[in-house]
Every structure is written in structure tokens, then in C-alpha cells.
Amino acid sequence: MSKGPSSHIDIEKGSARHAKLEEEVVKKVKVRIESIEDRWALKLLNFIAGVNQLLSEGLTRELPL
């Protein structure tokens, strides 16, 4: 019998695994966002950092588009 869609437990396991892999290649920092401009600036900086990592190291875990 098929399990059907992914169970909640499977999703949690996948999320935990993804977070662990991401920790191996990036250092996360907390940033306080006070305006919509801050949010867009952070998105742009995250994209730039991801592209730089992809070009220099050949891999990236997250690349926001």
C-alpha cells in the first residue's frame, strides 16, 4: 500500500538534514529588519553571497531567486 504524500515526520527529517548540510557551507547571522528596503537589501545580499560561493567553491546550499 502506498504511503501517499510525505508524512509530517518525513518532512521534519528532511528539513533537519537540509539545515545540517547548509551549516557545513554557510555561517548564518541574525539581522534585524526594520523596513521593506532592509528586507530587499538582505535578499539581494543573500543572492550575491550565494552566487559568489557558487562561483568560487562550485556549490551553494541556498540561492534565493
N, C-alpha and C. Protein backbone atom coordinates (compact mmCIF):
# COMPACT_ATOMS: atom_id res chain seq x y z
N MET A 1 0.84 -1.18 0.00
CA MET A 1 0.00 0.00 0.00
C MET A 1 0.89 1.26 0.00
N SER A 2 0.57 2.22 -0.81
CA SER A 2 1.35 3.45 -0.93
C SER A 2 1.12 4.35 0.28
N LYS A 3 2.20 5.02 0.70
CA LYS A 3 2.10 5.95 1.81
C LYS A 3 1.40 7.24 1.42
N GLY A 4 1.40 7.55 0.16
CA GLY A 4 0.79 8.81 -0.28
C GLY A 4 1.76 9.96 -0.10
N PRO A 5 1.23 11.17 0.11
CA PRO A 5 2.10 12.34 0.28
C PRO A 5 3.04 12.15 1.46
N SER A 6 4.14 12.87 1.44
CA SER A 6 5.13 12.79 2.52
C SER A 6 4.47 13.06 3.85
N SER A 7 4.85 12.28 4.83
CA SER A 7 4.30 12.47 6.16
C SER A 7 5.00 13.64 6.85
N HIS A 8 4.38 14.13 7.89
CA HIS A 8 4.94 15.24 8.66
C HIS A 8 6.32 14.88 9.20
N ILE A 9 6.50 13.65 9.63
CA ILE A 9 7.78 13.20 10.17
C ILE A 9 8.85 13.22 9.08
N ASP A 10 8.49 12.76 7.88
CA ASP A 10 9.44 12.77 6.76
C ASP A 10 9.87 14.18 6.43
N ILE A 11 8.94 15.10 6.45
CA ILE A 11 9.25 16.50 6.14
C ILE A 11 10.18 17.08 7.20
N GLU A 12 9.91 16.78 8.47
CA GLU A 12 10.77 17.27 9.55
C GLU A 12 12.18 16.71 9.43
N LYS A 13 12.30 15.43 9.10
CA LYS A 13 13.61 14.81 8.91
C LYS A 13 14.36 15.46 7.75
N GLY A 14 13.66 15.70 6.66
CA GLY A 14 14.29 16.33 5.50
C GLY A 14 14.73 17.76 5.81
N SER A 15 13.92 18.49 6.55
CA SER A 15 14.27 19.86 6.93
C SER A 15 15.49 19.89 7.83
N ALA A 16 15.55 18.96 8.78
CA ALA A 16 16.69 18.89 9.69
C ALA A 16 17.96 18.54 8.91
N ARG A 17 17.86 17.60 7.99
CA ARG A 17 19.03 17.21 7.18
C ARG A 17 19.50 18.38 6.32
N HIS A 18 18.56 19.09 5.72
CA HIS A 18 18.90 20.24 4.89
C HIS A 18 19.61 21.31 5.72
N ALA A 19 19.11 21.58 6.91
CA ALA A 19 19.71 22.59 7.79
C ALA A 19 21.14 22.18 8.16
N LYS A 20 21.36 20.90 8.44
CA LYS A 20 22.70 20.43 8.79
C LYS A 20 23.67 20.59 7.62
N LEU A 21 23.22 20.24 6.43
CA LEU A 21 24.08 20.40 5.25
C LEU A 21 24.39 21.88 4.99
N GLU A 22 23.41 22.74 5.20
CA GLU A 22 23.62 24.17 4.98
C GLU A 22 24.64 24.73 5.97
N GLU A 23 24.61 24.25 7.22
CA GLU A 23 25.56 24.71 8.24
C GLU A 23 27.00 24.40 7.85
N GLU A 24 27.20 23.38 7.02
CA GLU A 24 28.54 23.00 6.61
C GLU A 24 29.18 24.03 5.68
N VAL A 25 28.37 24.81 4.97
CA VAL A 25 28.93 25.71 3.96
C VAL A 25 28.65 27.19 4.19
N VAL A 26 27.78 27.53 5.13
CA VAL A 26 27.49 28.95 5.39
C VAL A 26 27.41 29.20 6.88
N LYS A 27 27.75 30.43 7.25
CA LYS A 27 27.57 30.86 8.63
C LYS A 27 26.39 31.82 8.65
N LYS A 28 25.35 31.45 9.39
CA LYS A 28 24.16 32.29 9.47
C LYS A 28 24.31 33.31 10.59
N VAL A 29 23.81 34.49 10.35
CA VAL A 29 23.78 35.54 11.36
C VAL A 29 22.37 36.11 11.42
N LYS A 30 21.99 36.60 12.58
CA LYS A 30 20.68 37.24 12.75
C LYS A 30 20.79 38.69 12.30
N VAL A 31 19.80 39.16 11.57
CA VAL A 31 19.76 40.54 11.09
C VAL A 31 18.39 41.12 11.43
N ARG A 32 18.39 42.28 12.04
CA ARG A 32 17.12 42.94 12.37
C ARG A 32 16.66 43.72 11.15
N ILE A 33 15.47 43.43 10.68
CA ILE A 33 14.89 44.10 9.53
C ILE A 33 13.87 45.11 10.03
N GLU A 34 14.07 46.37 9.66
CA GLU A 34 13.18 47.42 10.15
C GLU A 34 12.31 48.04 9.06
N SER A 35 12.60 47.73 7.82
CA SER A 35 11.81 48.31 6.74
C SER A 35 11.77 47.35 5.55
N ILE A 36 10.89 47.66 4.62
CA ILE A 36 10.79 46.84 3.40
C ILE A 36 12.09 46.95 2.59
N GLU A 37 12.74 48.10 2.67
CA GLU A 37 14.02 48.27 1.98
C GLU A 37 15.09 47.36 2.58
N ASP A 38 15.08 47.22 3.91
CA ASP A 38 16.01 46.31 4.58
C ASP A 38 15.78 44.88 4.09
N ARG A 39 14.53 44.48 3.98
CA ARG A 39 14.21 43.12 3.53
C ARG A 39 14.73 42.88 2.11
N TRP A 40 14.52 43.84 1.20
CA TRP A 40 15.00 43.68 -0.17
C TRP A 40 16.53 43.71 -0.24
N ALA A 41 17.16 44.55 0.59
CA ALA A 41 18.62 44.61 0.62
C ALA A 41 19.18 43.27 1.10
N LEU A 42 18.55 42.68 2.11
CA LEU A 42 19.01 41.39 2.62
C LEU A 42 18.84 40.30 1.56
N LYS A 43 17.73 40.31 0.84
CA LYS A 43 17.53 39.34 -0.24
C LYS A 43 18.62 39.48 -1.30
N LEU A 44 18.94 40.72 -1.65
CA LEU A 44 19.98 40.96 -2.65
C LEU A 44 21.34 40.48 -2.15
N LEU A 45 21.67 40.80 -0.91
CA LEU A 45 22.97 40.37 -0.35
C LEU A 45 23.05 38.84 -0.26
N ASN A 46 21.96 38.19 0.12
CA ASN A 46 21.96 36.72 0.17
C ASN A 46 22.16 36.13 -1.22
N PHE A 47 21.56 36.74 -2.22
CA PHE A 47 21.75 36.26 -3.59
C PHE A 47 23.20 36.44 -4.03
N ILE A 48 23.77 37.61 -3.77
CA ILE A 48 25.16 37.89 -4.14
C ILE A 48 26.11 36.92 -3.44
N ALA A 49 25.89 36.69 -2.15
CA ALA A 49 26.74 35.77 -1.40
C ALA A 49 26.62 34.34 -1.96
N GLY A 50 25.42 33.93 -2.30
CA GLY A 50 25.22 32.60 -2.87
C GLY A 50 25.90 32.43 -4.22
N VAL A 51 25.79 33.44 -5.07
CA VAL A 51 26.44 33.39 -6.39
C VAL A 51 27.96 33.37 -6.23
N ASN A 52 28.49 34.22 -5.33
CA ASN A 52 29.93 34.22 -5.09
C ASN A 52 30.41 32.85 -4.61
N GLN A 53 29.65 32.23 -3.70
CA GLN A 53 30.02 30.92 -3.21
C GLN A 53 29.96 29.89 -4.33
N LEU A 54 28.95 29.96 -5.17
CA LEU A 54 28.82 29.04 -6.28
C LEU A 54 29.99 29.17 -7.25
N LEU A 55 30.37 30.40 -7.55
CA LEU A 55 31.47 30.63 -8.48
C LEU A 55 32.82 30.25 -7.90
N SER A 56 33.05 30.54 -6.64
CA SER A 56 34.37 30.28 -6.05
C SER A 56 34.54 28.85 -5.55
N GLU A 57 33.47 28.26 -5.00
CA GLU A 57 33.58 26.92 -4.41
C GLU A 57 32.90 25.84 -5.24
N GLY A 58 32.08 26.25 -6.19
CA GLY A 58 31.40 25.28 -7.04
C GLY A 58 30.14 24.71 -6.45
N LEU A 59 29.70 25.23 -5.28
CA LEU A 59 28.45 24.75 -4.69
C LEU A 59 27.86 25.83 -3.81
N THR A 60 26.57 25.73 -3.61
CA THR A 60 25.86 26.56 -2.66
C THR A 60 24.64 25.80 -2.22
N ARG A 61 24.23 25.96 -0.96
CA ARG A 61 23.07 25.25 -0.45
C ARG A 61 21.79 26.01 -0.72
N GLU A 62 21.87 27.32 -0.71
CA GLU A 62 20.67 28.15 -0.93
C GLU A 62 21.03 29.25 -1.92
N LEU A 63 20.18 29.43 -2.89
CA LEU A 63 20.35 30.54 -3.83
C LEU A 63 18.98 31.14 -4.08
N PRO A 64 18.63 32.17 -3.30
CA PRO A 64 17.32 32.78 -3.46
C PRO A 64 17.17 33.44 -4.82
N LEU A 65 16.07 33.21 -5.45
CA LEU A 65 15.81 33.81 -6.77
C LEU A 65 14.68 34.77 -6.71
